[in-house]
Amino acid sequence: MTECPRLSRRGLLVGLGSAALPAAARAQGAYPTRPVEVVLSWAPGGSSDSVARLLAQALATEFGHPFVVNNRPGAGGTIGHAYVARARPDGYTLLVATNSTYAIAPYLYENIPYDGDTAFAPISLLGTNAQVLTVHPSVPATTTQDFIAWAKAQRDPVPYASSGIGATSHLSAELFMSMADVTMLHVPYRGGSEPVQAVVAGQVMVNFMDASTAKPLIEAGRIKGLGVTTLTQSPVLPGIPPMAESGLPGFESSTDFALLAPAGTPQPILDTLLVATRKVLATPAVREQLTGRGIAPIGGTPAEFTAYSARENAKWREVIRSRGIRAA
């Protein structure tokens, strides 16, 4: 697969002529016959943006029609979700969603203008990305236990950055504070690269960062990685132990990505998208690019996504309730 062209702030047009496609891909027939909009509820620059753009490129190659990534960030991802919920259910508006919205936002925000249980048709769980507890190099800690002791010794709460209220970087920190009995000061940003840049610049001290984003910064010495949020080591950061093995037994969190469509999208279109999505996620080129970013490809079925989403909802509902978290 060729590398993705330079990205604009508003979106990416990914399209390849049908002449470059194999006959099987050209024979898809009735769907799609025009560009497909792929909505992302987060700003450019983060791991979800990478997933959306890689998927768009792969589907464009598969179908021979452009797939356009449209970033619509804000309100914990609910702005983008509301946009897709209102869209015509014809297969030409899709949503790359993260668990921070479909499993967290319903318990943070009042009067969300859609019903997350009925507004969308699941297509596939695309993949999962471990996070890592990262700190500015000035923080005198090399392990999760070191950091807990240092944070408790500070006169004022240590500031930490997140991609916004309800983002997995926010809820991971809330879960951490609850389990470690530590108080930190939340500094929310609008997703994308802003919280990463804030930690690198020392404007805040801490961020629960996606492993794929953190890897080059850790290797360059611009931040320190103290512990990964999965129960086992991340293949992207093999030298950093799980937080569950460094003083917080059972600690687990991740950023997970799914492909959804508006409810009412015809089943044949959903089936076509599922087959194509699972096909491209299984190709060596796409898998290599995802795993290189620290993302484990999944390509699950709609039923598997539904069961997974129910577990995520139950987990984060309890964290939000017990921590008394509300959207501003």
C-alpha atoms as a PDB file:
ATOM      1  CA  MET A   1       0.000   0.000   0.000  1.00  0.00           C
ATOM      2  CA  THR A   2       1.279   3.423  -0.846  1.00  0.00           C
ATOM      3  CA  GLU A   3       1.779   5.986   1.895  1.00  0.00           C
ATOM      4  CA  CYS A   4      -1.062   8.352   2.703  1.00  0.00           C
ATOM      5  CA  PRO A   5      -0.741  11.812   1.045  1.00  0.00           C
ATOM      6  CA  ARG A   6      -0.187  14.961   3.130  1.00  0.00           C
ATOM      7  CA  LEU A   7      -3.214  15.590   5.339  1.00  0.00           C
ATOM      8  CA  SER A   8      -5.237  18.788   5.560  1.00  0.00           C
ATOM      9  CA  ARG A   9      -6.854  20.066   8.764  1.00  0.00           C
ATOM     10  CA  ARG A  10     -10.366  19.670   7.364  1.00  0.00           C
ATOM     11  CA  GLY A  11     -10.138  16.179   6.020  1.00  0.00           C
ATOM     12  CA  LEU A  12      -8.553  13.812   3.557  1.00  0.00           C
ATOM     13  CA  LEU A  13      -9.713  12.766   0.135  1.00  0.00           C
ATOM     14  CA  VAL A  14      -8.523   9.260  -0.493  1.00  0.00           C
ATOM     15  CA  GLY A  15      -9.362   7.860  -3.877  1.00  0.00           C
ATOM     16  CA  LEU A  16      -7.858   5.591  -6.447  1.00  0.00           C
ATOM     17  CA  GLY A  17      -9.056   5.082  -9.978  1.00  0.00           C
ATOM     18  CA  SER A  18     -10.876   1.858 -10.702  1.00  0.00           C
ATOM     19  CA  ALA A  19      -8.313   1.040 -13.354  1.00  0.00           C
ATOM     20  CA  ALA A  20      -5.812   0.357 -10.561  1.00  0.00           C
ATOM     21  CA  LEU A  21      -8.106  -2.114  -8.812  1.00  0.00           C
ATOM     22  CA  PRO A  22      -8.343  -5.869  -9.195  1.00  0.00           C
ATOM     23  CA  ALA A  23     -11.411  -7.189 -10.958  1.00  0.00           C
ATOM     24  CA  ALA A  24     -12.975  -8.455  -7.724  1.00  0.00           C
ATOM     25  CA  ALA A  25     -12.927  -4.992  -6.195  1.00  0.00           C
ATOM     26  CA  ARG A  26     -14.278  -3.346  -9.359  1.00  0.00           C
ATOM     27  CA  ALA A  27     -17.125  -5.849  -9.394  1.00  0.00           C
ATOM     28  CA  GLN A  28     -18.642  -4.578  -6.126  1.00  0.00           C
ATOM     29  CA  GLY A  29     -21.502  -3.177  -8.188  1.00  0.00           C
ATOM     30  CA  ALA A  30     -24.242  -1.027  -6.730  1.00  0.00           C
ATOM     31  CA  TYR A  31     -22.443   0.246  -3.627  1.00  0.00           C
ATOM     32  CA  PRO A  32     -20.726   2.603  -3.472  1.00  0.00           C
ATOM     33  CA  THR A  33     -21.206   4.669  -6.612  1.00  0.00           C
ATOM     34  CA  ARG A  34     -19.971   7.995  -5.201  1.00  0.00           C
ATOM     35  CA  PRO A  35     -17.714   9.297  -2.396  1.00  0.00           C
ATOM     36  CA  VAL A  36     -18.366   8.043   1.136  1.00  0.00           C
ATOM     37  CA  GLU A  37     -17.972  10.389   4.110  1.00  0.00           C
ATOM     38  CA  VAL A  38     -16.140   8.909   7.110  1.00  0.00           C
ATOM     39  CA  VAL A  39     -16.818  11.058  10.178  1.00  0.00           C
ATOM     40  CA  LEU A  40     -14.363  11.169  13.067  1.00  0.00           C
ATOM     41  CA  SER A  41     -15.440  12.791  16.332  1.00  0.00           C
ATOM     42  CA  TRP A  42     -11.916  13.891  17.272  1.00  0.00           C
ATOM     43  CA  ALA A  43      -9.443  16.454  15.953  1.00  0.00           C
ATOM     44  CA  PRO A  44      -6.623  15.541  13.570  1.00  0.00           C
ATOM     45  CA  GLY A  45      -3.372  14.276  15.013  1.00  0.00           C
ATOM     46  CA  GLY A  46      -4.322  11.478  17.412  1.00  0.00           C
ATOM     47  CA  SER A  47      -4.475   7.703  17.061  1.00  0.00           C
ATOM     48  CA  SER A  48      -8.171   7.745  16.114  1.00  0.00           C
ATOM     49  CA  ASP A  49      -7.325  10.089  13.240  1.00  0.00           C
ATOM     50  CA  SER A  50      -4.634   7.668  12.060  1.00  0.00           C
ATOM     51  CA  VAL A  51      -7.084   4.754  12.180  1.00  0.00           C
ATOM     52  CA  ALA A  52      -9.779   6.657  10.280  1.00  0.00           C
ATOM     53  CA  ARG A  53      -7.406   7.759   7.534  1.00  0.00           C
ATOM     54  CA  LEU A  54      -5.783   4.362   7.118  1.00  0.00           C
ATOM     55  CA  LEU A  55      -9.208   2.697   6.934  1.00  0.00           C
ATOM     56  CA  ALA A  56     -10.439   5.305   4.447  1.00  0.00           C
ATOM     57  CA  GLN A  57      -7.442   4.728   2.209  1.00  0.00           C
ATOM     58  CA  ALA A  58      -7.873   0.960   2.339  1.00  0.00           C
ATOM     59  CA  LEU A  59     -11.616   1.074   1.618  1.00  0.00           C
ATOM     60  CA  ALA A  60     -11.058   3.510  -1.243  1.00  0.00           C
ATOM     61  CA  THR A  61      -8.636   1.026  -2.748  1.00  0.00           C
ATOM     62  CA  GLU A  62     -11.056  -1.831  -2.184  1.00  0.00           C
ATOM     63  CA  PHE A  63     -14.125  -0.120  -3.668  1.00  0.00           C
ATOM     64  CA  GLY A  64     -12.607   2.231  -6.231  1.00  0.00           C
ATOM     65  CA  HIS A  65     -14.420   5.287  -4.847  1.00  0.00           C
ATOM     66  CA  PRO A  66     -13.136   8.045  -2.527  1.00  0.00           C
ATOM     67  CA  PHE A  67     -13.655   7.809   1.223  1.00  0.00           C
ATOM     68  CA  VAL A  68     -13.436  11.295   2.772  1.00  0.00           C
ATOM     69  CA  VAL A  69     -12.414  11.713   6.428  1.00  0.00           C
ATOM     70  CA  ASN A  70     -14.351  14.552   8.075  1.00  0.00           C
ATOM     71  CA  ASN A  71     -13.115  15.588  11.550  1.00  0.00           C
ATOM     72  CA  ARG A  72     -15.977  16.866  13.737  1.00  0.00           C
ATOM     73  CA  PRO A  73     -14.557  17.140  17.280  1.00  0.00           C
ATOM     74  CA  GLY A  74     -16.135  18.426  20.464  1.00  0.00           C
ATOM     75  CA  ALA A  75     -18.245  17.490  23.495  1.00  0.00           C
ATOM     76  CA  GLY A  76     -16.533  14.159  24.104  1.00  0.00           C
ATOM     77  CA  GLY A  77     -17.194  13.016  20.564  1.00  0.00           C
ATOM     78  CA  THR A  78     -20.956  13.565  20.747  1.00  0.00           C
ATOM     79  CA  ILE A  79     -20.939  16.321  18.096  1.00  0.00           C
ATOM     80  CA  GLY A  80     -19.658  13.926  15.465  1.00  0.00           C
ATOM     81  CA  HIS A  81     -21.974  11.169  16.644  1.00  0.00           C
ATOM     82  CA  ALA A  82     -24.988  13.479  16.481  1.00  0.00           C
ATOM     83  CA  TYR A  83     -24.035  14.461  12.932  1.00  0.00           C
ATOM     84  CA  VAL A  84     -23.972  10.815  11.828  1.00  0.00           C
ATOM     85  CA  ALA A  85     -27.152   9.975  13.739  1.00  0.00           C
ATOM     86  CA  ARG A  86     -28.958  12.633  11.659  1.00  0.00           C
ATOM     87  CA  ALA A  87     -27.447  11.511   8.359  1.00  0.00           C
ATOM     88  CA  ARG A  88     -29.361   9.691   5.658  1.00  0.00           C
ATOM     89  CA  PRO A  89     -28.967   5.938   6.322  1.00  0.00           C
ATOM     90  CA  ASP A  90     -27.758   5.086   2.837  1.00  0.00           C
ATOM     91  CA  GLY A  91     -24.184   3.982   3.494  1.00  0.00           C
ATOM     92  CA  TYR A  92     -22.611   7.249   2.382  1.00  0.00           C
ATOM     93  CA  THR A  93     -22.031   8.565   5.904  1.00  0.00           C
ATOM     94  CA  LEU A  94     -20.044   6.358   8.271  1.00  0.00           C
ATOM     95  CA  LEU A  95     -18.544   6.907  11.716  1.00  0.00           C
ATOM     96  CA  VAL A  96     -15.191   5.858  13.134  1.00  0.00           C
ATOM     97  CA  ALA A  97     -16.041   5.903  16.839  1.00  0.00           C
ATOM     98  CA  THR A  98     -14.026   5.406  20.006  1.00  0.00           C
ATOM     99  CA  ASN A  99     -15.140   3.884  23.284  1.00  0.00           C
ATOM    100  CA  SER A 100     -14.766   7.310  24.886  1.00  0.00           C
ATOM    101  CA  THR A 101     -17.998   8.246  23.132  1.00  0.00           C
ATOM    102  CA  TYR A 102     -20.034   5.081  22.705  1.00  0.00           C
ATOM    103  CA  ALA A 103     -19.202   3.706  26.182  1.00  0.00           C
ATOM    104  CA  ILE A 104     -18.385   6.791  28.267  1.00  0.00           C
ATOM    105  CA  ALA A 105     -20.167   9.905  27.000  1.00  0.00           C
ATOM    106  CA  PRO A 106     -23.705   8.609  27.742  1.00  0.00           C
ATOM    107  CA  TYR A 107     -22.937   8.809  31.467  1.00  0.00           C
ATOM    108  CA  LEU A 108     -21.271  12.216  31.350  1.00  0.00           C
ATOM    109  CA  TYR A 109     -23.571  14.353  29.241  1.00  0.00           C
ATOM    110  CA  GLU A 110     -27.197  15.254  29.714  1.00  0.00           C
ATOM    111  CA  ASN A 111     -29.547  15.757  26.791  1.00  0.00           C
ATOM    112  CA  ILE A 112     -27.396  14.058  24.169  1.00  0.00           C
ATOM    113  CA  PRO A 113     -29.339  14.597  20.920  1.00  0.00           C
ATOM    114  CA  TYR A 114     -29.371  10.894  20.001  1.00  0.00           C
ATOM    115  CA  ASP A 115     -29.869   7.537  21.665  1.00  0.00           C
ATOM    116  CA  GLY A 116     -26.575   5.672  21.550  1.00  0.00           C
ATOM    117  CA  ASP A 117     -28.377   2.329  21.861  1.00  0.00           C
ATOM    118  CA  THR A 118     -30.604   2.852  18.834  1.00  0.00           C
ATOM    119  CA  ALA A 119     -29.066   5.565  16.626  1.00  0.00           C
ATOM    120  CA  PHE A 120     -26.297   3.478  15.066  1.00  0.00           C
ATOM    121  CA  ALA A 121     -25.811   0.170  13.296  1.00  0.00           C
ATOM    122  CA  PRO A 122     -22.516  -1.501  14.261  1.00  0.00           C
ATOM    123  CA  ILE A 123     -20.310  -2.725  11.445  1.00  0.00           C
ATOM    124  CA  SER A 124     -17.079  -3.815  13.113  1.00  0.00           C
ATOM    125  CA  LEU A 125     -14.771  -3.313  16.068  1.00  0.00           C
ATOM    126  CA  LEU A 126     -11.663  -2.175  14.212  1.00  0.00           C
ATOM    127  CA  GLY A 127      -8.903  -2.406  16.797  1.00  0.00           C
ATOM    128  CA  THR A 128      -7.599  -1.549  20.232  1.00  0.00           C
ATOM    129  CA  ASN A 129      -4.728   0.656  21.376  1.00  0.00           C
ATOM    130  CA  ALA A 130      -2.976   0.409  24.733  1.00  0.00           C
ATOM    131  CA  GLN A 131      -2.232   3.608  26.610  1.00  0.00           C
ATOM    132  CA  VAL A 132       0.852   4.478  28.632  1.00  0.00           C
ATOM    133  CA  LEU A 133       1.227   6.675  31.694  1.00  0.00           C
ATOM    134  CA  THR A 134       3.596   9.381  30.436  1.00  0.00           C
ATOM    135  CA  VAL A 135       5.256  12.242  32.301  1.00  0.00           C
ATOM    136  CA  HIS A 136       7.458  15.205  31.470  1.00  0.00           C
ATOM    137  CA  PRO A 137      11.182  14.340  31.864  1.00  0.00           C
ATOM    138  CA  SER A 138      11.438  16.691  34.847  1.00  0.00           C
ATOM    139  CA  VAL A 139       9.218  14.397  36.932  1.00  0.00           C
ATOM    140  CA  PRO A 140      11.537  12.356  39.203  1.00  0.00           C
ATOM    141  CA  ALA A 141       9.883   8.997  38.574  1.00  0.00           C
ATOM    142  CA  THR A 142      10.761   5.953  36.466  1.00  0.00           C
ATOM    143  CA  THR A 143       7.938   3.603  37.485  1.00  0.00           C
ATOM    144  CA  THR A 144       4.252   3.822  38.281  1.00  0.00           C
ATOM    145  CA  GLN A 145       5.029   3.308  41.973  1.00  0.00           C
ATOM    146  CA  ASP A 146       7.605   6.114  41.874  1.00  0.00           C
ATOM    147  CA  PHE A 147       5.073   8.445  40.329  1.00  0.00           C
ATOM    148  CA  ILE A 148       2.369   7.620  42.887  1.00  0.00           C
ATOM    149  CA  ALA A 149       4.764   8.414  45.739  1.00  0.00           C
ATOM    150  CA  TRP A 150       5.917  11.652  44.075  1.00  0.00           C
ATOM    151  CA  ALA A 151       2.372  12.821  43.310  1.00  0.00           C
ATOM    152  CA  LYS A 152       1.245  12.208  46.880  1.00  0.00           C
ATOM    153  CA  ALA A 153       4.181  14.248  48.180  1.00  0.00           C
ATOM    154  CA  GLN A 154       3.294  17.371  46.180  1.00  0.00           C
ATOM    155  CA  ARG A 155       1.713  20.340  47.945  1.00  0.00           C
ATOM    156  CA  ASP A 156      -0.685  20.990  45.047  1.00  0.00           C
ATOM    157  CA  PRO A 157      -2.408  18.470  42.760  1.00  0.00           C
ATOM    158  CA  VAL A 158      -0.249  17.482  39.800  1.00  0.00           C
ATOM    159  CA  PRO A 159      -1.800  18.728  36.516  1.00  0.00           C
ATOM    160  CA  TYR A 160      -2.546  16.152  33.845  1.00  0.00           C
ATOM    161  CA  ALA A 161      -3.663  16.623  30.241  1.00  0.00           C
ATOM    162  CA  SER A 162      -6.442  14.794  28.445  1.00  0.00           C
ATOM    163  CA  SER A 163      -8.078  14.884  25.018  1.00  0.00           C
ATOM    164  CA  GLY A 164     -11.203  16.302  26.641  1.00  0.00           C
ATOM    165  CA  ILE A 165     -13.811  15.446  29.238  1.00  0.00           C
ATOM    166  CA  GLY A 166     -14.890  11.870  28.639  1.00  0.00           C
ATOM    167  CA  ALA A 167     -11.898  10.900  26.512  1.00  0.00           C
ATOM    168  CA  THR A 168     -10.206   7.638  27.441  1.00  0.00           C
ATOM    169  CA  SER A 169      -7.155   9.678  28.488  1.00  0.00           C
ATOM    170  CA  HIS A 170      -9.429  11.414  31.018  1.00  0.00           C
ATOM    171  CA  LEU A 171     -11.188   8.314  32.299  1.00  0.00           C
ATOM    172  CA  SER A 172      -7.922   6.373  32.541  1.00  0.00           C
ATOM    173  CA  ALA A 173      -6.616   9.103  34.824  1.00  0.00           C
ATOM    174  CA  GLU A 174      -9.809   8.974  36.907  1.00  0.00           C
ATOM    175  CA  LEU A 175      -9.464   5.205  37.243  1.00  0.00           C
ATOM    176  CA  PHE A 176      -5.809   5.690  38.202  1.00  0.00           C
ATOM    177  CA  MET A 177      -6.600   8.304  40.855  1.00  0.00           C
ATOM    178  CA  SER A 178      -9.275   6.061  42.325  1.00  0.00           C
ATOM    179  CA  MET A 179      -7.046   2.993  42.521  1.00  0.00           C
ATOM    180  CA  ALA A 180      -3.863   4.833  43.594  1.00  0.00           C
ATOM    181  CA  ASP A 181      -5.560   7.245  46.045  1.00  0.00           C
ATOM    182  CA  VAL A 182      -3.922  10.187  44.250  1.00  0.00           C
ATOM    183  CA  THR A 183      -5.404  13.610  43.459  1.00  0.00           C
ATOM    184  CA  MET A 184      -4.466  15.311  40.171  1.00  0.00           C
ATOM    185  CA  LEU A 185      -5.738  18.431  38.380  1.00  0.00           C
ATOM    186  CA  HIS A 186      -7.531  17.823  35.077  1.00  0.00           C
ATOM    187  CA  VAL A 187      -6.474  20.056  32.148  1.00  0.00           C
ATOM    188  CA  PRO A 188      -8.693  19.092  29.191  1.00  0.00           C
ATOM    189  CA  TYR A 189      -7.805  19.872  25.573  1.00  0.00           C
ATOM    190  CA  ARG A 190      -9.750  19.428  22.341  1.00  0.00           C
ATOM    191  CA  GLY A 191      -8.286  16.086  21.350  1.00  0.00           C
ATOM    192  CA  GLY A 192      -5.697  15.442  18.678  1.00  0.00           C
ATOM    193  CA  SER A 193      -2.115  16.402  19.385  1.00  0.00           C
ATOM    194  CA  GLU A 194      -2.689  19.263  21.860  1.00  0.00           C
ATOM    195  CA  PRO A 195      -2.404  17.266  25.121  1.00  0.00           C
ATOM    196  CA  VAL A 196       0.675  15.495  23.771  1.00  0.00           C
ATOM    197  CA  GLN A 197       2.344  18.809  22.964  1.00  0.00           C
ATOM    198  CA  ALA A 198       1.404  20.127  26.412  1.00  0.00           C
ATOM    199  CA  VAL A 199       3.284  17.319  28.173  1.00  0.00           C
ATOM    200  CA  VAL A 200       6.284  17.605  25.858  1.00  0.00           C
ATOM    201  CA  ALA A 201       6.432  21.360  26.571  1.00  0.00           C
ATOM    202  CA  GLY A 202       6.076  20.862  30.328  1.00  0.00           C
ATOM    203  CA  GLN A 203       2.840  22.858  30.493  1.00  0.00           C
ATOM    204  CA  VAL A 204       1.338  19.843  32.286  1.00  0.00           C
ATOM    205  CA  MET A 205       3.204  16.966  33.859  1.00  0.00           C
ATOM    206  CA  VAL A 206       1.131  13.896  33.001  1.00  0.00           C
ATOM    207  CA  ASN A 207      -0.926  12.324  30.211  1.00  0.00           C
ATOM    208  CA  PHE A 208      -2.367   8.890  29.576  1.00  0.00           C
ATOM    209  CA  MET A 209      -1.174   8.717  25.987  1.00  0.00           C
ATOM    210  CA  ASP A 210      -1.846   6.135  23.303  1.00  0.00           C
ATOM    211  CA  ALA A 211       1.189   3.874  23.068  1.00  0.00           C
ATOM    212  CA  SER A 212       1.592   4.509  19.349  1.00  0.00           C
ATOM    213  CA  THR A 213       1.774   8.271  19.922  1.00  0.00           C
ATOM    214  CA  ALA A 214       4.079   7.951  22.912  1.00  0.00           C
ATOM    215  CA  LYS A 215       6.624   5.554  21.381  1.00  0.00           C
ATOM    216  CA  PRO A 216       8.710   8.010  19.291  1.00  0.00           C
ATOM    217  CA  LEU A 217       8.573  10.672  22.012  1.00  0.00           C
ATOM    218  CA  ILE A 218       9.787   8.213  24.640  1.00  0.00           C
ATOM    219  CA  GLU A 219      12.564   6.991  22.366  1.00  0.00           C
ATOM    220  CA  ALA A 220      13.631  10.604  21.740  1.00  0.00           C
ATOM    221  CA  GLY A 221      13.686  11.351  25.478  1.00  0.00           C
ATOM    222  CA  ARG A 222      11.015  14.040  25.183  1.00  0.00           C
ATOM    223  CA  ILE A 223       8.729  12.256  27.663  1.00  0.00           C
ATOM    224  CA  LYS A 224       9.020   9.275  30.001  1.00  0.00           C
ATOM    225  CA  GLY A 225       6.772   6.220  29.896  1.00  0.00           C
ATOM    226  CA  LEU A 226       6.111   4.677  33.297  1.00  0.00           C
ATOM    227  CA  GLY A 227       3.512   1.963  32.757  1.00  0.00           C
ATOM    228  CA  VAL A 228       1.145   0.616  30.100  1.00  0.00           C
ATOM    229  CA  THR A 229      -2.568   0.319  30.800  1.00  0.00           C
ATOM    230  CA  THR A 230      -3.103  -3.206  29.477  1.00  0.00           C
ATOM    231  CA  LEU A 231      -2.742  -6.323  31.601  1.00  0.00           C
ATOM    232  CA  THR A 232       0.177  -7.520  29.490  1.00  0.00           C
ATOM    233  CA  GLN A 233       3.113  -5.687  27.974  1.00  0.00           C
ATOM    234  CA  SER A 234       2.578  -3.703  24.783  1.00  0.00           C
ATOM    235  CA  PRO A 235       4.556  -4.996  21.781  1.00  0.00           C
ATOM    236  CA  VAL A 236       5.141  -1.342  20.868  1.00  0.00           C
ATOM    237  CA  LEU A 237       6.728  -0.553  24.255  1.00  0.00           C
ATOM    238  CA  PRO A 238       8.140  -3.898  25.440  1.00  0.00           C
ATOM    239  CA  GLY A 239      10.399  -2.306  28.043  1.00  0.00           C
ATOM    240  CA  ILE A 240       7.566  -0.639  29.953  1.00  0.00           C
ATOM    241  CA  PRO A 241       5.694  -2.876  32.430  1.00  0.00           C
ATOM    242  CA  PRO A 242       1.922  -2.932  32.853  1.00  0.00           C
ATOM    243  CA  MET A 243       0.632  -0.660  35.602  1.00  0.00           C
ATOM    244  CA  ALA A 244      -1.165  -3.756  36.915  1.00  0.00           C
ATOM    245  CA  GLU A 245       2.275  -5.168  37.768  1.00  0.00           C
ATOM    246  CA  SER A 246       3.548  -1.966  39.348  1.00  0.00           C
ATOM    247  CA  GLY A 247       1.336  -1.326  42.329  1.00  0.00           C
ATOM    248  CA  LEU A 248      -2.139  -1.252  40.724  1.00  0.00           C
ATOM    249  CA  PRO A 249      -3.368  -4.859  40.339  1.00  0.00           C
ATOM    250  CA  GLY A 250      -6.161  -5.165  37.780  1.00  0.00           C
ATOM    251  CA  PHE A 251      -5.645  -1.740  36.211  1.00  0.00           C
ATOM    252  CA  GLU A 252      -6.796  -1.919  32.583  1.00  0.00           C
ATOM    253  CA  SER A 253      -7.827   0.689  30.039  1.00  0.00           C
ATOM    254  CA  SER A 254      -7.443   1.221  26.297  1.00  0.00           C
ATOM    255  CA  THR A 255      -8.630   3.282  23.361  1.00  0.00           C
ATOM    256  CA  ASP A 256     -10.813   1.158  21.092  1.00  0.00           C
ATOM    257  CA  PHE A 257     -12.101   1.975  17.609  1.00  0.00           C
ATOM    258  CA  ALA A 258     -15.273   0.883  15.825  1.00  0.00           C
ATOM    259  CA  LEU A 259     -16.959   1.495  12.476  1.00  0.00           C
ATOM    260  CA  LEU A 260     -20.648   2.440  12.744  1.00  0.00           C
ATOM    261  CA  ALA A 261     -23.383   3.597  10.380  1.00  0.00           C
ATOM    262  CA  PRO A 262     -26.688   5.398  10.961  1.00  0.00           C
ATOM    263  CA  ALA A 263     -29.455   3.093  12.134  1.00  0.00           C
ATOM    264  CA  GLY A 264     -31.639   2.025   9.256  1.00  0.00           C
ATOM    265  CA  THR A 265     -28.778   1.587   6.811  1.00  0.00           C
ATOM    266  CA  PRO A 266     -29.825  -1.288   4.514  1.00  0.00           C
ATOM    267  CA  GLN A 267     -28.478  -4.635   5.634  1.00  0.00           C
ATOM    268  CA  PRO A 268     -26.867  -5.453   2.263  1.00  0.00           C
ATOM    269  CA  ILE A 269     -24.780  -2.280   2.546  1.00  0.00           C
ATOM    270  CA  LEU A 270     -23.801  -3.106   6.134  1.00  0.00           C
ATOM    271  CA  ASP A 271     -22.838  -6.600   5.042  1.00  0.00           C
ATOM    272  CA  THR A 272     -20.776  -5.255   2.150  1.00  0.00           C
ATOM    273  CA  LEU A 273     -18.952  -2.859   4.465  1.00  0.00           C
ATOM    274  CA  LEU A 274     -18.323  -5.596   7.030  1.00  0.00           C
ATOM    275  CA  VAL A 275     -16.829  -7.934   4.450  1.00  0.00           C
ATOM    276  CA  ALA A 276     -14.652  -5.168   3.000  1.00  0.00           C
ATOM    277  CA  THR A 277     -13.542  -3.913   6.422  1.00  0.00           C
ATOM    278  CA  ARG A 278     -12.562  -7.351   7.662  1.00  0.00           C
ATOM    279  CA  LYS A 279     -10.781  -8.006   4.373  1.00  0.00           C
ATOM    280  CA  VAL A 280      -8.643  -4.866   4.498  1.00  0.00           C
ATOM    281  CA  LEU A 281      -7.871  -5.322   8.216  1.00  0.00           C
ATOM    282  CA  ALA A 282      -6.552  -8.791   7.397  1.00  0.00           C
ATOM    283  CA  THR A 283      -4.151  -7.629   4.689  1.00  0.00           C
ATOM    284  CA  PRO A 284      -0.484  -7.634   5.709  1.00  0.00           C
ATOM    285  CA  ALA A 285       0.055  -4.004   4.655  1.00  0.00           C
ATOM    286  CA  VAL A 286      -2.811  -2.643   6.781  1.00  0.00           C
ATOM    287  CA  ARG A 287      -1.989  -4.879   9.740  1.00  0.00           C
ATOM    288  CA  GLU A 288       1.633  -3.782   9.614  1.00  0.00           C
ATOM    289  CA  GLN A 289       0.667  -0.109   9.613  1.00  0.00           C
ATOM    290  CA  LEU A 290      -1.759  -0.563  12.497  1.00  0.00           C
ATOM    291  CA  THR A 291       0.539  -2.665  14.651  1.00  0.00           C
ATOM    292  CA  GLY A 292       3.346  -0.216  13.920  1.00  0.00           C
ATOM    293  CA  ARG A 293       1.146   2.414  15.548  1.00  0.00           C
ATOM    294  CA  GLY A 294       0.505   0.143  18.530  1.00  0.00           C
ATOM    295  CA  ILE A 295      -3.015  -0.774  17.426  1.00  0.00           C
ATOM    296  CA  ALA A 296      -4.071  -4.414  17.495  1.00  0.00           C
ATOM    297  CA  PRO A 297      -6.424  -5.070  14.531  1.00  0.00           C
ATOM    298  CA  ILE A 298      -9.653  -6.890  15.349  1.00  0.00           C
ATOM    299  CA  GLY A 299     -12.247  -6.792  12.563  1.00  0.00           C
ATOM    300  CA  GLY A 300     -15.020  -8.269  14.708  1.00  0.00           C
ATOM    301  CA  THR A 301     -18.645  -8.899  13.819  1.00  0.00           C
ATOM    302  CA  PRO A 302     -21.562  -6.631  14.786  1.00  0.00           C
ATOM    303  CA  ALA A 303     -22.625  -9.142  17.461  1.00  0.00           C
ATOM    304  CA  GLU A 304     -19.133  -9.161  18.950  1.00  0.00           C
ATOM    305  CA  PHE A 305     -19.098  -5.375  19.026  1.00  0.00           C
ATOM    306  CA  THR A 306     -22.464  -5.292  20.798  1.00  0.00           C
ATOM    307  CA  ALA A 307     -21.244  -7.635  23.538  1.00  0.00           C
ATOM    308  CA  TYR A 308     -17.977  -5.745  23.929  1.00  0.00           C
ATOM    309  CA  SER A 309     -19.748  -2.382  24.063  1.00  0.00           C
ATOM    310  CA  ALA A 310     -22.027  -3.626  26.829  1.00  0.00           C
ATOM    311  CA  ARG A 311     -18.996  -4.575  28.950  1.00  0.00           C
ATOM    312  CA  GLU A 312     -17.303  -1.225  28.333  1.00  0.00           C
ATOM    313  CA  ASN A 313     -20.484   0.658  29.207  1.00  0.00           C
ATOM    314  CA  ALA A 314     -20.822  -1.191  32.512  1.00  0.00           C
ATOM    315  CA  LYS A 315     -17.179  -0.576  33.435  1.00  0.00           C
ATOM    316  CA  TRP A 316     -17.054   3.151  32.710  1.00  0.00           C
ATOM    317  CA  ARG A 317     -20.541   3.829  34.056  1.00  0.00           C
ATOM    318  CA  GLU A 318     -19.319   2.653  37.446  1.00  0.00           C
ATOM    319  CA  VAL A 319     -16.118   4.731  37.265  1.00  0.00           C
ATOM    320  CA  ILE A 320     -18.099   7.857  36.350  1.00  0.00           C
ATOM    321  CA  ARG A 321     -20.692   7.236  39.065  1.00  0.00           C
ATOM    322  CA  SER A 322     -18.185   6.504  41.813  1.00  0.00           C
ATOM    323  CA  ARG A 323     -15.958   9.474  40.904  1.00  0.00           C
ATOM    324  CA  GLY A 324     -18.859  11.889  40.522  1.00  0.00           C
ATOM    325  CA  ILE A 325     -17.674  12.976  37.073  1.00  0.00           C
ATOM    326  CA  ARG A 326     -19.854  15.307  35.025  1.00  0.00           C
ATOM    327  CA  ALA A 327     -19.249  17.148  31.783  1.00  0.00           C
ATOM    328  CA  ALA A 328     -18.700  20.879  32.170  1.00  0.00           C
END
